[in-house]
Amino acid sequence: MKIAGIVAEYDPFHAGHAWMIDEVRRAGFEAVVCVMSPSVVQRGGAAAFPVDVRTRAALAGGADLVLCLPAP
């Protein structure tokens, strides 16, 4: 089984993110695992949307599993 991993903030999840997941699947990957920033995003600021909202959006957008990076 080919599994792809995507590291993202999804703050907010948008059509471009869904497109990327679709493209990964078109490239032959059977599963997509996303590793998402916690309440503090990669740029160091607070996330605009809660983790659960961003997780549900990613799953609805085609991700099979969404994991959250540990906060420092």
Protein backbone atom coordinates (compact mmCIF):
# COMPACT_ATOMS: atom_id res chain seq x y z
CA MET A 1 0.00 0.00 0.00
CA LYS A 2 1.36 3.41 -0.98
CA ILE A 3 0.78 6.03 1.72
CA ALA A 4 1.46 9.75 1.27
CA GLY A 5 2.17 12.19 4.06
CA ILE A 6 1.33 15.89 3.98
CA VAL A 7 2.46 18.43 6.59
CA ALA A 8 0.12 21.43 6.74
CA GLU A 9 -1.63 23.98 8.92
CA TYR A 10 -5.08 23.85 7.27
CA ASP A 11 -5.89 27.21 8.84
CA PRO A 12 -8.30 27.28 7.11
CA PHE A 13 -8.65 24.19 4.93
CA HIS A 14 -9.49 25.38 1.42
CA ALA A 15 -10.07 24.12 -2.12
CA GLY A 16 -6.32 24.15 -2.85
CA HIS A 17 -5.74 21.70 -0.01
CA ALA A 18 -8.48 19.40 -1.33
CA TRP A 19 -6.93 19.66 -4.81
CA MET A 20 -3.54 18.61 -3.40
CA ILE A 21 -5.04 15.55 -1.72
CA ASP A 22 -6.84 14.63 -4.98
CA GLU A 23 -3.58 15.00 -6.92
CA VAL A 24 -1.76 12.75 -4.46
CA ARG A 25 -4.42 10.09 -5.00
CA ARG A 26 -4.18 10.52 -8.79
CA ALA A 27 -0.44 9.91 -8.44
CA GLY A 28 -1.26 6.43 -7.17
CA PHE A 29 -1.27 6.78 -3.40
CA GLU A 30 -3.96 4.73 -1.69
CA ALA A 31 -3.99 6.61 1.61
CA VAL A 32 -3.24 10.19 2.66
CA VAL A 33 -2.02 10.97 6.16
CA CYS A 34 -1.89 14.64 7.14
CA VAL A 35 0.21 15.98 9.99
CA MET A 36 -1.29 19.26 11.12
CA SER A 37 -0.09 22.10 13.31
CA PRO A 38 -1.69 22.34 16.76
CA SER A 39 -3.27 25.54 18.15
CA VAL A 40 0.01 27.33 17.46
CA VAL A 41 0.71 27.24 13.73
CA GLN A 42 4.07 26.89 11.98
CA ARG A 43 4.58 30.65 11.71
CA GLY A 44 4.38 30.98 15.50
CA GLY A 45 0.95 32.59 15.82
CA ALA A 46 -2.33 31.28 17.16
CA ALA A 47 -4.47 29.28 14.76
CA ALA A 48 -7.62 31.04 13.55
CA PHE A 49 -9.64 27.82 13.76
CA PRO A 50 -9.68 25.14 16.50
CA VAL A 51 -7.89 21.84 15.88
CA ASP A 52 -11.13 19.83 15.73
CA VAL A 53 -12.64 22.12 13.05
CA ARG A 54 -9.49 21.91 10.91
CA THR A 55 -9.31 18.13 11.40
CA ARG A 56 -12.92 17.58 10.32
CA ALA A 57 -12.38 19.80 7.27
CA ALA A 58 -9.29 17.82 6.23
CA LEU A 59 -11.12 14.50 6.63
CA ALA A 60 -14.08 15.83 4.63
CA GLY A 61 -11.59 17.06 2.01
CA GLY A 62 -10.18 13.59 1.41
CA ALA A 63 -7.58 12.87 4.09
CA ASP A 64 -7.70 9.38 5.60
CA LEU A 65 -5.95 10.25 8.86
CA VAL A 66 -5.08 13.57 10.48
CA LEU A 67 -2.44 13.69 13.20
CA CYS A 68 -1.55 16.74 15.25
CA LEU A 69 2.05 17.82 15.85
CA PRO A 70 2.90 18.06 19.54
CA ALA A 71 3.01 21.59 20.93
CA PRO A 72 6.41 22.70 22.21
